[in-house]
Structures are given as C-alpha cells and as structure tokens.
Protein backbone atom coordinates (compact mmCIF):
# COMPACT_ATOMS: atom_id res chain seq x y z
CA MET A 1 -46.45 26.28 59.98
CA THR A 2 -48.02 26.44 56.56
CA ALA A 3 -49.98 23.56 55.07
CA ASN A 4 -47.22 22.99 52.50
CA ILE A 5 -44.47 22.80 55.13
CA PHE A 6 -46.57 20.57 57.35
CA SER A 7 -47.35 18.28 54.46
CA ASP A 8 -43.69 17.99 53.45
CA ALA A 9 -42.65 17.36 57.04
CA LEU A 10 -45.02 14.45 57.47
CA GLY A 11 -43.67 12.58 54.47
CA GLU A 12 -45.22 9.19 53.75
CA ILE A 13 -48.01 8.02 56.05
CA SER A 14 -49.80 4.73 56.06
CA GLU A 15 -53.45 4.18 55.15
CA LYS A 16 -54.06 3.00 58.73
CA TYR A 17 -53.58 6.50 60.13
CA ILE A 18 -55.68 8.10 57.40
CA MET A 19 -58.56 5.75 58.24
CA GLU A 20 -58.19 6.56 61.95
CA ALA A 21 -58.25 10.27 61.15
CA VAL A 22 -61.42 10.16 59.09
CA SER A 23 -63.24 8.43 61.93
CA TYR A 24 -63.12 11.75 63.81
CA GLN A 25 -65.50 14.30 62.32
CA PRO A 26 -65.72 17.91 63.49
CA LYS A 27 -68.81 19.99 62.74
CA LYS A 28 -66.85 22.05 60.25
CA LYS A 29 -65.95 20.35 56.99
CA TYR A 30 -62.80 21.44 55.19
CA ILE A 31 -62.69 20.76 51.48
CA ILE A 32 -59.28 22.21 50.79
CA TRP A 33 -58.17 20.96 47.38
CA PRO A 34 -55.03 19.03 48.29
CA ARG A 35 -51.92 18.17 46.38
CA VAL A 36 -51.75 15.21 44.07
CA ARG A 37 -49.98 12.03 45.30
CA SER A 38 -48.89 11.31 48.86
CA ALA A 39 -48.68 14.93 50.01
CA ALA A 40 -52.45 15.17 49.51
CA ALA A 41 -53.05 12.47 52.06
CA CYS A 42 -50.74 14.25 54.51
CA PHE A 43 -52.65 17.53 54.24
CA LEU A 44 -56.00 15.77 54.54
CA LEU A 45 -54.77 14.02 57.68
CA ALA A 46 -53.62 17.31 59.17
CA VAL A 47 -57.01 18.95 58.58
CA LEU A 48 -58.99 15.97 59.88
CA LEU A 49 -56.89 15.62 63.02
CA THR A 50 -56.87 19.29 63.97
CA GLY A 51 -60.39 20.10 62.80
CA SER A 52 -59.17 23.59 62.07
CA ALA A 53 -57.34 25.77 59.61
CA ILE A 54 -55.57 29.10 59.83
CA LEU A 55 -57.88 31.84 58.57
CA THR A 56 -57.51 35.62 58.40
CA PHE A 57 -60.95 37.03 59.13
CA ASN A 58 -60.90 40.08 56.90
CA VAL A 59 -64.23 39.82 55.12
CA GLU A 60 -63.95 41.02 51.52
CA THR A 61 -67.28 39.99 50.09
CA ARG A 62 -70.40 38.09 50.96
CA ALA A 63 -72.52 36.70 48.13
CA ALA A 64 -75.85 34.94 48.43
CA PHE A 65 -75.70 31.32 47.31
CA PHE A 66 -79.43 30.73 47.44
CA SER A 67 -80.09 29.41 50.97
CA TRP A 68 -76.36 28.77 51.32
CA VAL A 69 -74.02 31.74 51.66
CA ARG A 70 -70.46 31.89 50.35
CA GLN A 71 -68.34 34.29 52.35
CA GLN A 72 -64.78 35.16 51.41
CA TYR A 73 -61.90 35.41 53.83
CA GLU A 74 -58.27 35.92 52.92
CA GLY A 75 -57.42 32.74 51.04
CA PHE A 76 -60.60 30.81 51.87
CA TYR A 77 -64.28 30.65 51.04
CA GLU A 78 -66.75 29.68 53.74
CA TYR A 79 -70.06 28.07 52.76
CA PHE A 80 -72.67 28.14 55.50
CA PHE A 81 -76.44 27.89 55.63
CA GLU A 82 -78.31 31.06 56.49
CA GLY A 83 -81.87 30.78 57.75
CA GLU A 84 -83.89 27.88 59.04
CA ALA A 85 -84.54 24.65 57.19
CA VAL A 86 -86.53 21.75 58.56
CA VAL A 87 -85.29 18.40 57.27
CA THR A 88 -87.44 15.50 58.41
CA ASP A 89 -85.95 12.74 56.30
CA PRO A 90 -82.61 13.80 54.74
CA ALA A 91 -81.66 11.90 51.61
CA LYS A 92 -78.39 10.04 51.16
CA TYR A 93 -76.42 10.48 47.96
CA GLU A 94 -73.65 8.81 45.98
CA LEU A 95 -71.78 9.28 42.71
CA GLY A 96 -73.61 7.60 39.87
CA TRP A 97 -70.59 7.90 37.58
CA VAL A 98 -66.84 8.13 38.15
CA PRO A 99 -64.05 8.33 35.58
CA GLU A 100 -62.33 5.13 34.53
CA GLY A 101 -59.57 4.23 36.96
CA CYS A 102 -61.23 5.70 40.07
CA ILE A 103 -61.06 3.24 42.95
CA PHE A 104 -63.41 3.44 45.94
CA VAL A 105 -61.47 3.54 49.23
CA THR A 106 -63.94 4.29 52.02
CA SER A 107 -66.91 6.39 53.09
CA TYR A 108 -67.88 7.88 56.43
CA GLU A 109 -70.74 9.86 57.91
CA THR A 110 -70.32 13.51 58.86
CA ALA A 111 -72.47 15.74 61.06
CA GLY A 112 -74.88 16.48 58.23
CA GLY A 113 -74.07 14.05 55.44
CA GLU A 114 -71.34 11.78 54.11
CA THR A 115 -67.92 11.83 52.48
CA TYR A 116 -66.65 9.30 49.94
CA ILE A 117 -62.94 8.82 49.32
CA TYR A 118 -61.54 7.50 46.04
CA THR A 119 -58.08 7.21 44.53
CA ASP A 120 -56.56 6.36 41.16
CA GLU A 121 -53.40 4.90 39.63
CA TYR A 122 -51.51 8.12 40.43
CA ASP A 123 -52.46 7.95 44.12
CA THR A 124 -54.59 11.09 43.75
CA LEU A 125 -56.93 11.88 46.62
CA ILE A 126 -60.48 12.16 45.22
CA SER A 127 -63.44 13.05 47.41
CA PHE A 128 -67.19 13.51 47.11
CA SER A 129 -69.08 15.10 50.00
CA TYR A 130 -72.57 16.34 50.66
CA THR A 131 -74.44 18.05 53.48
CA SER A 132 -78.16 17.33 53.43
CA GLU A 133 -78.91 18.74 56.89
CA PRO A 134 -78.32 22.51 56.66
CA GLY A 135 -76.98 24.13 59.80
CA LYS A 136 -75.04 21.08 60.94
CA GLU A 137 -71.91 21.74 58.91
CA THR A 138 -69.82 24.54 57.48
CA LEU A 139 -67.69 24.04 54.39
CA TYR A 140 -64.33 25.73 53.85
CA VAL A 141 -62.70 25.84 50.42
CA ASP A 142 -59.16 26.92 49.60
CA GLY A 143 -59.40 29.77 47.09
CA VAL A 144 -55.73 30.68 46.57
CA GLY A 145 -54.28 29.94 43.16
CA TYR A 146 -57.56 28.92 41.55
CA ALA A 147 -59.56 30.24 38.63
CA GLU A 148 -63.31 30.25 39.26
CA LYS A 149 -66.13 29.57 36.84
CA GLN A 150 -69.84 29.69 37.55
CA VAL A 151 -71.69 26.67 36.18
CA THR A 152 -75.12 25.06 36.30
CA ILE A 153 -75.57 21.51 37.56
CA ASN A 154 -78.97 20.06 36.62
CA GLY A 155 -80.44 23.54 36.86
CA ASN A 156 -78.68 24.38 40.13
CA PRO A 157 -75.90 26.94 40.73
CA GLY A 158 -72.32 25.86 41.23
CA THR A 159 -68.71 27.03 41.13
CA ILE A 160 -65.75 25.22 39.62
CA TYR A 161 -62.31 25.87 41.12
CA ILE A 162 -59.55 25.11 38.59
CA SER A 163 -56.02 25.05 39.97
CA LEU A 164 -53.45 27.22 38.23
CA ASP A 165 -50.78 24.78 39.42
CA GLU A 166 -50.75 21.23 38.04
CA ALA A 167 -49.49 19.98 41.40
CA TYR A 168 -52.86 20.73 43.00
CA THR A 169 -56.26 19.19 42.48
CA ASP A 170 -59.40 20.94 41.26
CA GLY A 171 -62.92 21.01 42.62
CA ILE A 172 -66.57 21.91 42.26
CA VAL A 173 -69.14 23.08 44.82
CA TRP A 174 -72.86 23.31 44.09
CA THR A 175 -76.26 23.25 45.77
CA ASP A 176 -79.57 21.55 45.14
CA THR A 177 -81.94 24.43 45.80
CA ALA A 178 -84.95 22.15 46.13
CA THR A 179 -83.46 20.19 49.04
CA ASN A 180 -80.94 22.78 50.37
CA THR A 181 -78.18 20.21 49.95
CA LEU A 182 -74.58 21.33 49.48
CA PHE A 183 -72.30 19.11 47.36
CA SER A 184 -68.58 19.14 46.61
CA ILE A 185 -66.14 17.06 44.55
CA SER A 186 -62.36 17.37 44.49
CA GLY A 187 -59.87 15.62 42.24
CA HIS A 188 -57.41 16.15 39.43
CA PHE A 189 -60.07 16.48 36.72
CA ASP A 190 -60.87 18.84 33.89
CA GLU A 191 -64.00 20.97 33.85
CA ASP A 192 -66.08 18.58 31.74
CA THR A 193 -65.29 15.61 34.00
CA LEU A 194 -66.18 17.53 37.17
CA ILE A 195 -69.49 18.60 35.66
CA ARG A 196 -70.30 15.08 34.47
CA MET A 197 -69.59 13.65 37.92
CA ALA A 198 -71.74 16.34 39.55
CA GLU A 199 -74.62 15.84 37.13
CA ASN A 200 -74.64 12.11 37.88
CA VAL A 201 -74.94 12.37 41.67
CA ARG A 202 -77.98 10.32 42.64
CA VAL A 203 -80.03 9.40 45.70
CA LYS A 204 -78.84 6.11 47.07
CA PRO A 205 -81.04 3.23 45.94
CA ALA A 206 -82.92 1.12 48.46
CA ARG A 207 -80.77 -1.25 50.50
CA TYR A 208 -81.76 -4.85 51.12
CA GLU A 209 -81.00 -7.40 53.79
CA LEU A 210 -81.72 -11.03 54.50
CA GLY A 211 -85.03 -11.54 56.27
CA TYR A 212 -84.09 -15.09 57.23
CA VAL A 213 -80.81 -16.88 57.94
CA PRO A 214 -80.22 -20.32 59.49
CA ASP A 215 -79.76 -20.45 63.26
CA ASN A 216 -76.01 -21.04 63.00
CA CYS A 217 -75.39 -17.91 60.89
CA THR A 218 -73.78 -14.93 62.66
CA LEU A 219 -73.44 -11.44 61.22
CA VAL A 220 -69.78 -10.46 61.19
CA ASP A 221 -69.83 -7.14 59.40
CA SER A 222 -71.57 -5.06 56.75
CA ILE A 223 -69.62 -3.00 54.23
CA GLU A 224 -71.24 -0.15 52.35
CA ILE A 225 -70.03 0.20 48.78
CA PRO A 226 -71.17 2.52 45.99
CA GLY A 227 -74.49 1.12 44.83
CA GLY A 228 -75.14 -1.34 47.65
CA VAL A 229 -74.10 -3.12 50.81
CA VAL A 230 -72.18 -6.34 51.38
CA TYR A 231 -73.11 -8.39 54.45
CA ILE A 232 -70.57 -10.83 55.88
C-alpha cells in the first residue's frame, strides 16, 4: 500500500492518536514532507507507528555532507553520520522565529535530539527537528517530485526541497559543521521563509525553576514551550 493510499484510507484522525503516536520514537527519523491539511497528519501517524518506510535499495549516488553523508535510494535520501563524534554535553535547540500564524502544538525528545510540531490556520503540519548526538539517528527524506537547491545557512551547507505539487509541503535540511548537528524543517513555505527560519534556530536559553515554595504547594506538571517552561 502506498503512502497516498494509506493516507486516504485513514481519513480524519483525532489529535489524541497523533499525540500517542509521537510518544513512540524509533532510532530512525523520517522527515517525509507530508501533504497539507488532514492527510499530512495521517501520513505522519503511519510513519511514526510503523517506524519504517518502503525503500528500494538501489544506490545511485553517495555524496559527502561534511561529517554527515547523504545517500540516495530510489525515491528517498538517507542522511547518516559517518565516523566517530564524541558529544559530552549536546545542546538543545529551538526556532527563534516562526512565520505569523504558526501555532505551537507539542514537542518530544528523540534518540538524539528533539522534534517540534506546529500548525497553522490551514491545518498544515509543520515540523522542526534536530539531531545533536551523531550516530543515534538516521534521517530519511522523500525526494520524489521535489526540486533541490543548495543553500548556505549561517555559513553551513544545506539543501532546500521545493515540492513541484502544491498539495505537498516543502523542506530544508542542513548541518552545523562545528557541532555535527543535523537540522530539518518542513512546512508549506517558500524558499526565503525556510531560510529565515533556519537562520534563526538558536540554542535554548537557560531554564529557571522555583527554589522555594510553601509546604502546601505540590508540583502537578511542567510544560515546555518555545522560549521557556511553565510549571503548574
């Protein structure tokens, strides 16, 4: 069953099941630019639940991506880290700027980093992911029906994937060569917006907590939001 057929078959799904799906994280991370609107959520759910995708392993090319390697299969690109990298204190990142109308939905930790999920008034699935611990994750990107453009993000190499079909979202993948961190953003954005979002990725600022609370205060929950944490 193709991703398109599977997506159409699922139809509408509730946010509850999407949130349950993202709580399960395989070692391999699939950033497959999904459809706009509800079908995007269906395809994301399918990938997260199965932790796999159908690939044809006929290697066509293998290009060095600094310490990360991008290898092409039929219809997909695989980004994986080649070599050894010792990370003693991996940084955490977040988007320092998002377009007007982007609404934060949730974030979750992955094997080597984090993923942030946003949406907008058109119910588009927007994601920002990073892997700051090389070797713990592999990234797969859908390469069918996309025009590619090599760009520079704050002096670092990157690739923009622009969909040739308006029904599908676009994306950008780049690395920070100083920290061996791999980043990706997907959403229905033009080239300039993707680059601006990428250039404004920042290390998370310091988080604070209460050093004293009265004896009758009980911590109920803490919610991480872009730019800080809310304690309840």
